[in-house]
Amino acid sequence: MPIPPPDRLELTYQRAIVDLTEEIFTAPYPSWYAHINHLPLPERLTYCVLEFDAQVNNGGLHQYFWNGYGQFGYETVAYLCLLGATTQAGILRQALTLLEAEEPVPDLLREKVDSRTLLALNDFVEPLTSGLDALSDAYYECAMDMKDRIQQFLANTGQALLGDGQV
């Protein structure tokens, strides 16, 4: 039986991570952030939304931020809105608001998330921890198939963007 070709989602995700090396992950901010944000829109959206959904579903919003993916939080809110996942976008925006209480400047917040130097996150300080837990629970309650939403986006609008590179 022949092996089916990879789907559009898988191909787009693979293009997003093909050059994502350990050096980029471990380099000081903004290496990882800049690398992802230089990708074309379909790859950026796919990477940010898939990683957000996977991290939250694996260990909650605390894990999403602790593992550094939260540095893409502001962009991911916009991408979730593009996918019609406005409830999920609102949940992530509320989580960012909780973190902004610790660091209100977006670039500094991104850097602290990337370098794991946001003390309230590291030390499980209240009310941040319980707030992120409650928002994680809200995310689980409004489960949505993000892969399906991304597939629809790629089929309807994202593919048109792939031919001319950066968006």
N, C-alpha and C. Protein backbone atom coordinates (compact mmCIF):
# COMPACT_ATOMS: atom_id res chain seq x y z
N MET A 1 0.84 -1.18 0.00
CA MET A 1 0.00 0.00 0.00
C MET A 1 0.89 1.24 0.00
N PRO A 2 0.67 2.18 -0.93
CA PRO A 2 1.52 3.37 -0.99
C PRO A 2 1.32 4.27 0.22
N ILE A 3 2.37 4.94 0.60
CA ILE A 3 2.32 5.89 1.72
C ILE A 3 1.75 7.19 1.19
N PRO A 4 0.72 7.73 1.86
CA PRO A 4 0.15 9.00 1.38
C PRO A 4 1.14 10.14 1.56
N PRO A 5 1.08 11.13 0.69
CA PRO A 5 1.98 12.28 0.83
C PRO A 5 1.63 13.07 2.09
N PRO A 6 2.61 13.79 2.64
CA PRO A 6 2.31 14.61 3.83
C PRO A 6 1.25 15.65 3.48
N ASP A 7 0.43 15.98 4.45
CA ASP A 7 -0.59 16.99 4.18
C ASP A 7 0.01 18.39 4.21
N ARG A 8 -0.78 19.33 3.76
CA ARG A 8 -0.34 20.73 3.66
C ARG A 8 0.12 21.26 5.02
N LEU A 9 -0.60 20.91 6.07
CA LEU A 9 -0.23 21.35 7.41
C LEU A 9 1.16 20.85 7.78
N GLU A 10 1.39 19.58 7.59
CA GLU A 10 2.70 18.99 7.93
C GLU A 10 3.82 19.62 7.11
N LEU A 11 3.58 19.81 5.82
CA LEU A 11 4.59 20.44 4.97
C LEU A 11 4.90 21.87 5.41
N THR A 12 3.86 22.60 5.77
CA THR A 12 4.04 23.98 6.21
C THR A 12 4.80 24.03 7.53
N TYR A 13 4.45 23.15 8.46
CA TYR A 13 5.17 23.09 9.74
C TYR A 13 6.63 22.69 9.51
N GLN A 14 6.87 21.72 8.66
CA GLN A 14 8.24 21.29 8.38
C GLN A 14 9.06 22.43 7.78
N ARG A 15 8.45 23.23 6.90
CA ARG A 15 9.17 24.40 6.35
C ARG A 15 9.49 25.39 7.46
N ALA A 16 8.61 25.50 8.45
CA ALA A 16 8.83 26.45 9.55
C ALA A 16 10.01 26.04 10.42
N ILE A 17 10.21 24.74 10.60
CA ILE A 17 11.25 24.29 11.53
C ILE A 17 12.52 23.76 10.87
N VAL A 18 12.55 23.72 9.54
CA VAL A 18 13.67 23.10 8.85
C VAL A 18 15.02 23.71 9.27
N ASP A 19 15.09 24.99 9.49
CA ASP A 19 16.35 25.65 9.86
C ASP A 19 16.42 26.02 11.33
N LEU A 20 15.49 25.54 12.11
CA LEU A 20 15.45 25.87 13.54
C LEU A 20 16.40 24.93 14.28
N THR A 21 17.59 25.43 14.54
CA THR A 21 18.65 24.62 15.14
C THR A 21 18.74 24.83 16.65
N GLU A 22 19.48 23.96 17.28
CA GLU A 22 19.73 24.09 18.72
C GLU A 22 20.43 25.42 19.03
N GLU A 23 21.29 25.86 18.12
CA GLU A 23 21.98 27.14 18.32
C GLU A 23 20.99 28.30 18.39
N ILE A 24 19.96 28.25 17.56
CA ILE A 24 18.95 29.31 17.57
C ILE A 24 18.16 29.26 18.87
N PHE A 25 17.78 28.05 19.30
CA PHE A 25 17.03 27.91 20.55
C PHE A 25 17.81 28.41 21.75
N THR A 26 19.11 28.16 21.77
CA THR A 26 19.91 28.48 22.95
C THR A 26 20.60 29.84 22.88
N ALA A 27 20.57 30.48 21.72
CA ALA A 27 21.19 31.80 21.59
C ALA A 27 20.38 32.82 22.37
N PRO A 28 21.02 33.91 22.77
CA PRO A 28 20.27 34.95 23.49
C PRO A 28 19.14 35.53 22.64
N TYR A 29 18.13 36.04 23.36
CA TYR A 29 17.03 36.73 22.70
C TYR A 29 17.61 37.85 21.86
N PRO A 30 17.16 38.08 20.66
CA PRO A 30 15.94 37.62 20.01
C PRO A 30 16.17 36.58 18.91
N SER A 31 17.16 35.72 18.99
CA SER A 31 17.47 34.80 17.89
C SER A 31 16.29 33.93 17.47
N TRP A 32 15.71 33.21 18.43
CA TRP A 32 14.58 32.33 18.12
C TRP A 32 13.39 33.16 17.64
N TYR A 33 13.12 34.24 18.33
CA TYR A 33 12.01 35.12 17.98
C TYR A 33 12.19 35.68 16.57
N ALA A 34 13.37 36.17 16.27
CA ALA A 34 13.63 36.76 14.95
C ALA A 34 13.54 35.69 13.86
N HIS A 35 14.06 34.50 14.16
CA HIS A 35 14.02 33.42 13.17
C HIS A 35 12.57 33.13 12.76
N ILE A 36 11.70 32.94 13.73
CA ILE A 36 10.30 32.62 13.44
C ILE A 36 9.61 33.79 12.74
N ASN A 37 9.88 35.00 13.18
CA ASN A 37 9.20 36.15 12.60
C ASN A 37 9.70 36.54 11.22
N HIS A 38 10.76 35.92 10.75
CA HIS A 38 11.22 36.13 9.37
C HIS A 38 10.62 35.12 8.40
N LEU A 39 9.86 34.17 8.93
CA LEU A 39 9.21 33.18 8.07
C LEU A 39 8.01 33.81 7.37
N PRO A 40 7.60 33.26 6.23
CA PRO A 40 6.36 33.73 5.60
C PRO A 40 5.17 33.47 6.53
N LEU A 41 4.11 34.23 6.35
CA LEU A 41 2.95 34.14 7.21
C LEU A 41 2.42 32.71 7.41
N PRO A 42 2.24 31.91 6.37
CA PRO A 42 1.70 30.56 6.63
C PRO A 42 2.55 29.74 7.59
N GLU A 43 3.88 29.83 7.46
CA GLU A 43 4.76 29.10 8.36
C GLU A 43 4.75 29.68 9.77
N ARG A 44 4.75 31.00 9.89
CA ARG A 44 4.70 31.64 11.22
C ARG A 44 3.42 31.25 11.94
N LEU A 45 2.29 31.41 11.26
CA LEU A 45 1.01 31.09 11.87
C LEU A 45 0.96 29.62 12.28
N THR A 46 1.36 28.75 11.38
CA THR A 46 1.32 27.31 11.67
C THR A 46 2.19 26.98 12.87
N TYR A 47 3.42 27.47 12.88
CA TYR A 47 4.34 27.20 13.98
C TYR A 47 3.78 27.73 15.30
N CYS A 48 3.40 28.99 15.32
CA CYS A 48 2.96 29.62 16.57
C CYS A 48 1.69 28.97 17.12
N VAL A 49 0.72 28.71 16.28
CA VAL A 49 -0.55 28.16 16.77
C VAL A 49 -0.38 26.69 17.16
N LEU A 50 0.33 25.90 16.36
CA LEU A 50 0.52 24.49 16.73
C LEU A 50 1.30 24.37 18.04
N GLU A 51 2.35 25.16 18.21
CA GLU A 51 3.14 25.08 19.44
C GLU A 51 2.34 25.58 20.63
N PHE A 52 1.57 26.64 20.45
CA PHE A 52 0.72 27.13 21.53
C PHE A 52 -0.25 26.03 21.97
N ASP A 53 -0.97 25.47 21.02
CA ASP A 53 -1.97 24.45 21.34
C ASP A 53 -1.32 23.22 21.98
N ALA A 54 -0.19 22.79 21.46
CA ALA A 54 0.48 21.61 22.01
C ALA A 54 1.00 21.87 23.42
N GLN A 55 1.62 23.01 23.64
CA GLN A 55 2.16 23.33 24.96
C GLN A 55 1.05 23.44 26.00
N VAL A 56 -0.02 24.15 25.65
CA VAL A 56 -1.12 24.33 26.61
C VAL A 56 -1.79 23.00 26.90
N ASN A 57 -2.02 22.21 25.87
CA ASN A 57 -2.68 20.91 26.09
C ASN A 57 -1.78 19.92 26.81
N ASN A 58 -0.49 20.12 26.78
CA ASN A 58 0.44 19.23 27.47
C ASN A 58 0.66 19.63 28.93
N GLY A 59 0.74 20.93 29.20
CA GLY A 59 1.07 21.34 30.56
C GLY A 59 0.50 22.67 30.97
N GLY A 60 -0.41 23.21 30.19
CA GLY A 60 -1.05 24.47 30.55
C GLY A 60 -0.28 25.69 30.07
N LEU A 61 -0.86 26.84 30.37
CA LEU A 61 -0.25 28.10 29.96
C LEU A 61 1.08 28.34 30.66
N HIS A 62 1.21 27.87 31.88
CA HIS A 62 2.49 28.01 32.57
C HIS A 62 3.59 27.35 31.75
N GLN A 63 3.33 26.14 31.27
CA GLN A 63 4.33 25.44 30.45
C GLN A 63 4.61 26.20 29.15
N TYR A 64 3.58 26.73 28.53
CA TYR A 64 3.74 27.50 27.28
C TYR A 64 4.73 28.64 27.49
N PHE A 65 4.57 29.37 28.58
CA PHE A 65 5.48 30.48 28.84
C PHE A 65 6.83 29.98 29.36
N TRP A 66 6.84 29.02 30.25
CA TRP A 66 8.08 28.52 30.82
C TRP A 66 9.00 27.96 29.75
N ASN A 67 8.45 27.26 28.76
CA ASN A 67 9.27 26.67 27.70
C ASN A 67 9.68 27.67 26.63
N GLY A 68 9.33 28.93 26.82
CA GLY A 68 9.80 29.98 25.93
C GLY A 68 8.88 30.31 24.77
N TYR A 69 7.89 29.48 24.52
CA TYR A 69 7.00 29.72 23.38
C TYR A 69 6.14 30.96 23.61
N GLY A 70 5.99 31.36 24.84
CA GLY A 70 5.19 32.54 25.15
C GLY A 70 5.76 33.82 24.59
N GLN A 71 7.02 33.81 24.16
CA GLN A 71 7.57 35.01 23.52
C GLN A 71 6.83 35.31 22.21
N PHE A 72 6.12 34.32 21.67
CA PHE A 72 5.32 34.51 20.46
C PHE A 72 3.86 34.78 20.80
N GLY A 73 3.56 35.04 22.05
CA GLY A 73 2.18 35.18 22.50
C GLY A 73 1.40 36.28 21.80
N TYR A 74 2.00 37.45 21.65
CA TYR A 74 1.28 38.55 21.02
C TYR A 74 0.92 38.21 19.58
N GLU A 75 1.85 37.63 18.86
CA GLU A 75 1.60 37.23 17.48
C GLU A 75 0.55 36.11 17.43
N THR A 76 0.65 35.19 18.37
CA THR A 76 -0.27 34.06 18.38
C THR A 76 -1.70 34.51 18.62
N VAL A 77 -1.90 35.54 19.43
CA VAL A 77 -3.24 36.10 19.61
C VAL A 77 -3.80 36.52 18.24
N ALA A 78 -3.01 37.23 17.47
CA ALA A 78 -3.46 37.68 16.14
C ALA A 78 -3.73 36.50 15.22
N TYR A 79 -2.86 35.49 15.26
CA TYR A 79 -3.05 34.33 14.39
C TYR A 79 -4.30 33.55 14.77
N LEU A 80 -4.57 33.42 16.07
CA LEU A 80 -5.78 32.75 16.51
C LEU A 80 -7.02 33.50 16.00
N CYS A 81 -6.96 34.80 16.03
CA CYS A 81 -8.08 35.60 15.50
C CYS A 81 -8.26 35.36 14.01
N LEU A 82 -7.16 35.29 13.27
CA LEU A 82 -7.24 34.99 11.83
C LEU A 82 -7.92 33.65 11.57
N LEU A 83 -7.74 32.71 12.49
CA LEU A 83 -8.33 31.38 12.35
C LEU A 83 -9.77 31.33 12.85
N GLY A 84 -10.25 32.43 13.40
CA GLY A 84 -11.60 32.43 13.96
C GLY A 84 -11.67 31.86 15.35
N ALA A 85 -10.54 31.66 15.98
CA ALA A 85 -10.47 31.11 17.34
C ALA A 85 -10.40 32.27 18.33
N THR A 86 -11.44 33.09 18.33
CA THR A 86 -11.40 34.31 19.14
C THR A 86 -11.47 34.04 20.64
N THR A 87 -12.16 32.98 21.04
CA THR A 87 -12.20 32.64 22.47
C THR A 87 -10.81 32.25 22.95
N GLN A 88 -10.12 31.43 22.17
CA GLN A 88 -8.77 31.01 22.52
C GLN A 88 -7.81 32.21 22.50
N ALA A 89 -7.99 33.09 21.54
CA ALA A 89 -7.17 34.31 21.48
C ALA A 89 -7.39 35.15 22.73
N GLY A 90 -8.64 35.26 23.17
CA GLY A 90 -8.95 36.02 24.38
C GLY A 90 -8.31 35.42 25.61
N ILE A 91 -8.28 34.10 25.67
CA ILE A 91 -7.64 33.42 26.81
C ILE A 91 -6.15 33.72 26.83
N LEU A 92 -5.50 33.63 25.68
CA LEU A 92 -4.07 33.93 25.61
C LEU A 92 -3.82 35.40 25.93
N ARG A 93 -4.68 36.29 25.45
CA ARG A 93 -4.51 37.72 25.74
C ARG A 93 -4.61 37.98 27.24
N GLN A 94 -5.54 37.29 27.92
CA GLN A 94 -5.66 37.42 29.37
C GLN A 94 -4.41 36.92 30.08
N ALA A 95 -3.83 35.84 29.57
CA ALA A 95 -2.59 35.32 30.16
C ALA A 95 -1.46 36.33 29.99
N LEU A 96 -1.38 36.94 28.82
CA LEU A 96 -0.36 37.97 28.60
C LEU A 96 -0.57 39.15 29.54
N THR A 97 -1.82 39.49 29.79
CA THR A 97 -2.12 40.58 30.71
C THR A 97 -1.62 40.25 32.11
N LEU A 98 -1.79 39.00 32.54
CA LEU A 98 -1.26 38.59 33.85
C LEU A 98 0.26 38.76 33.89
N LEU A 99 0.94 38.36 32.82
CA LEU A 99 2.40 38.48 32.77
C LEU A 99 2.84 39.94 32.68
N GLU A 100 2.03 40.76 32.01
CA GLU A 100 2.37 42.19 31.89
C GLU A 100 2.36 42.88 33.24
N ALA A 101 1.67 42.32 34.21
CA ALA A 101 1.71 42.88 35.57
C ALA A 101 3.12 42.75 36.14
N GLU A 102 3.86 41.76 35.67
CA GLU A 102 5.24 41.55 36.12
C GLU A 102 6.23 42.30 35.23
N GLU A 103 5.92 42.41 33.94
CA GLU A 103 6.78 43.12 32.99
C GLU A 103 5.90 43.72 31.90
N PRO A 104 5.61 45.02 32.00
CA PRO A 104 4.65 45.64 31.09
C PRO A 104 5.18 45.96 29.69
N VAL A 105 6.46 45.90 29.45
CA VAL A 105 7.02 46.24 28.14
C VAL A 105 7.12 44.97 27.30
N PRO A 106 6.37 44.88 26.18
CA PRO A 106 6.34 43.64 25.40
C PRO A 106 7.70 43.06 25.03
N ASP A 107 8.64 43.88 24.55
CA ASP A 107 9.96 43.35 24.18
C ASP A 107 10.70 42.79 25.39
N LEU A 108 10.59 43.46 26.53
CA LEU A 108 11.24 42.96 27.74
C LEU A 108 10.55 41.69 28.24
N LEU A 109 9.22 41.65 28.12
CA LEU A 109 8.49 40.44 28.50
C LEU A 109 8.93 39.27 27.63
N ARG A 110 9.01 39.47 26.32
CA ARG A 110 9.47 38.41 25.42
C ARG A 110 10.86 37.93 25.82
N GLU A 111 11.75 38.88 26.07
CA GLU A 111 13.12 38.52 26.44
C GLU A 111 13.15 37.72 27.74
N LYS A 112 12.38 38.14 28.73
CA LYS A 112 12.36 37.43 30.01
C LYS A 112 11.73 36.05 29.89
N VAL A 113 10.72 35.91 29.03
CA VAL A 113 10.13 34.59 28.79
C VAL A 113 11.17 33.70 28.10
N ASP A 114 11.83 34.24 27.08
CA ASP A 114 12.83 33.47 26.34
C ASP A 114 13.98 33.03 27.24
N SER A 115 14.44 33.92 28.11
CA SER A 115 15.61 33.62 28.96
C SER A 115 15.23 33.03 30.31
N ARG A 116 13.95 32.83 30.54
CA ARG A 116 13.44 32.28 31.80
C ARG A 116 13.86 33.12 33.01
N THR A 117 13.76 34.41 32.85
CA THR A 117 14.13 35.31 33.95
C THR A 117 12.94 36.09 34.50
N LEU A 118 11.72 35.69 34.16
CA LEU A 118 10.53 36.30 34.72
C LEU A 118 10.26 35.60 36.05
N LEU A 119 10.70 36.21 37.15
CA LEU A 119 10.71 35.55 38.44
C LEU A 119 9.35 35.04 38.89
N ALA A 120 8.30 35.79 38.65
CA ALA A 120 6.97 35.35 39.08
C ALA A 120 6.58 34.04 38.39
N LEU A 121 7.01 33.87 37.17
CA LEU A 121 6.74 32.63 36.43
C LEU A 121 7.62 31.50 36.95
N ASN A 122 8.88 31.80 37.16
CA ASN A 122 9.83 30.80 37.65
C ASN A 122 9.48 30.28 39.04
N ASP A 123 9.04 31.19 39.89
CA ASP A 123 8.82 30.85 41.30
C ASP A 123 7.37 30.51 41.63
N PHE A 124 6.53 30.38 40.60
CA PHE A 124 5.11 30.04 40.80
C PHE A 124 4.44 31.01 41.79
N VAL A 125 4.66 32.29 41.57
CA VAL A 125 4.13 33.32 42.44
C VAL A 125 2.63 33.52 42.17
N GLU A 126 1.88 33.74 43.25
CA GLU A 126 0.45 34.06 43.14
C GLU A 126 0.31 35.57 43.01
N PRO A 127 -0.67 36.03 42.30
CA PRO A 127 -1.79 35.33 41.69
C PRO A 127 -1.51 34.83 40.28
N LEU A 128 -0.28 34.98 39.79
CA LEU A 128 0.03 34.56 38.43
C LEU A 128 -0.25 33.08 38.20
N THR A 129 0.23 32.23 39.10
CA THR A 129 0.09 30.79 38.91
C THR A 129 -1.38 30.37 38.86
N SER A 130 -2.17 30.81 39.83
CA SER A 130 -3.58 30.41 39.83
C SER A 130 -4.32 31.03 38.64
N GLY A 131 -3.92 32.21 38.24
CA GLY A 131 -4.54 32.85 37.07
C GLY A 131 -4.26 32.06 35.80
N LEU A 132 -3.00 31.64 35.62
CA LEU A 132 -2.66 30.84 34.44
C LEU A 132 -3.37 29.48 34.49
N ASP A 133 -3.48 28.91 35.68
CA ASP A 133 -4.20 27.63 35.82
C ASP A 133 -5.67 27.78 35.42
N ALA A 134 -6.31 28.83 35.90
CA ALA A 134 -7.72 29.05 35.57
C ALA A 134 -7.90 29.28 34.07
N LEU A 135 -6.99 30.03 33.47
CA LEU A 135 -7.08 30.26 32.02
C LEU A 135 -6.81 28.98 31.24
N SER A 136 -5.90 28.15 31.73
CA SER A 136 -5.66 26.85 31.08
C SER A 136 -6.94 26.02 31.10
N ASP A 137 -7.62 25.99 32.26
CA ASP A 137 -8.88 25.26 32.37
C ASP A 137 -9.91 25.80 31.38
N ALA A 138 -9.96 27.11 31.24
CA ALA A 138 -10.90 27.71 30.28
C ALA A 138 -10.55 27.29 28.85
N TYR A 139 -9.27 27.20 28.56
CA TYR A 139 -8.84 26.77 27.23
C TYR A 139 -9.28 25.34 26.96
N TYR A 140 -9.11 24.47 27.94
CA TYR A 140 -9.52 23.07 27.77
C TYR A 140 -11.03 22.96 27.54
N GLU A 141 -11.79 23.81 28.21
CA GLU A 141 -13.25 23.76 28.10
C GLU A 141 -13.76 24.18 26.72
N CYS A 142 -13.00 24.98 26.01
CA CYS A 142 -13.44 25.43 24.68
C CYS A 142 -12.57 24.79 23.60
N ALA A 143 -12.30 23.53 23.78
CA ALA A 143 -11.43 22.80 22.85
C ALA A 143 -11.86 23.01 21.40
N MET A 144 -10.86 23.21 20.56
CA MET A 144 -11.07 23.41 19.14
C MET A 144 -9.95 22.69 18.40
N ASP A 145 -10.26 22.13 17.28
CA ASP A 145 -9.24 21.45 16.48
C ASP A 145 -8.42 22.48 15.72
N MET A 146 -7.31 22.89 16.32
CA MET A 146 -6.47 23.92 15.70
C MET A 146 -5.87 23.44 14.38
N LYS A 147 -5.55 22.16 14.30
CA LYS A 147 -5.00 21.64 13.05
C LYS A 147 -6.00 21.82 11.91
N ASP A 148 -7.26 21.55 12.19
CA ASP A 148 -8.30 21.72 11.18
C ASP A 148 -8.42 23.19 10.78
N ARG A 149 -8.39 24.07 11.77
CA ARG A 149 -8.48 25.51 11.48
C ARG A 149 -7.30 25.98 10.62
N ILE A 150 -6.10 25.48 10.93
CA ILE A 150 -4.93 25.87 10.15
C ILE A 150 -5.04 25.31 8.73
N GLN A 151 -5.48 24.05 8.62
CA GLN A 151 -5.67 23.45 7.29
C GLN A 151 -6.61 24.31 6.46
N GLN A 152 -7.70 24.75 7.05
CA GLN A 152 -8.66 25.60 6.33
C GLN A 152 -8.01 26.91 5.91
N PHE A 153 -7.25 27.51 6.82
CA PHE A 153 -6.56 28.76 6.50
C PHE A 153 -5.60 28.56 5.33
N LEU A 154 -4.81 27.50 5.40
CA LEU A 154 -3.84 27.24 4.33
C LEU A 154 -4.54 26.98 3.00
N ALA A 155 -5.63 26.26 3.03
CA ALA A 155 -6.37 25.96 1.81
C ALA A 155 -7.04 27.21 1.23
N ASN A 156 -7.58 28.05 2.10
CA ASN A 156 -8.37 29.19 1.64
C ASN A 156 -7.55 30.44 1.33
N THR A 157 -6.57 30.72 2.16
CA THR A 157 -5.84 31.99 1.97
C THR A 157 -4.34 31.81 2.04
N GLY A 158 -3.86 30.99 2.92
CA GLY A 158 -2.43 30.88 3.16
C GLY A 158 -1.65 30.39 1.96
N GLN A 159 -2.19 29.47 1.19
CA GLN A 159 -1.45 28.93 0.06
C GLN A 159 -1.15 29.99 -0.98
N ALA A 160 -2.03 30.95 -1.14
CA ALA A 160 -1.79 32.01 -2.11
C ALA A 160 -0.56 32.82 -1.74
N LEU A 161 -0.21 32.81 -0.47
CA LEU A 161 0.92 33.59 0.00
C LEU A 161 2.26 32.87 -0.17
N LEU A 162 2.21 31.56 -0.39
CA LEU A 162 3.45 30.79 -0.42
C LEU A 162 4.29 31.07 -1.64
N GLY A 163 3.69 31.46 -2.74
CA GLY A 163 4.44 31.62 -3.97
C GLY A 163 5.38 32.80 -3.97
N ASP A 164 5.07 33.85 -3.22
CA ASP A 164 5.91 35.04 -3.28
C ASP A 164 6.76 35.27 -2.04
N GLY A 165 6.95 34.24 -1.23
CA GLY A 165 7.85 34.36 -0.08
C GLY A 165 7.26 35.12 1.08
N GLN A 166 7.99 36.08 1.58
CA GLN A 166 7.61 36.80 2.80
C GLN A 166 6.30 37.55 2.65
N VAL A 167 5.57 37.58 3.74
CA VAL A 167 4.33 38.36 3.80
C VAL A 167 4.45 39.33 4.94
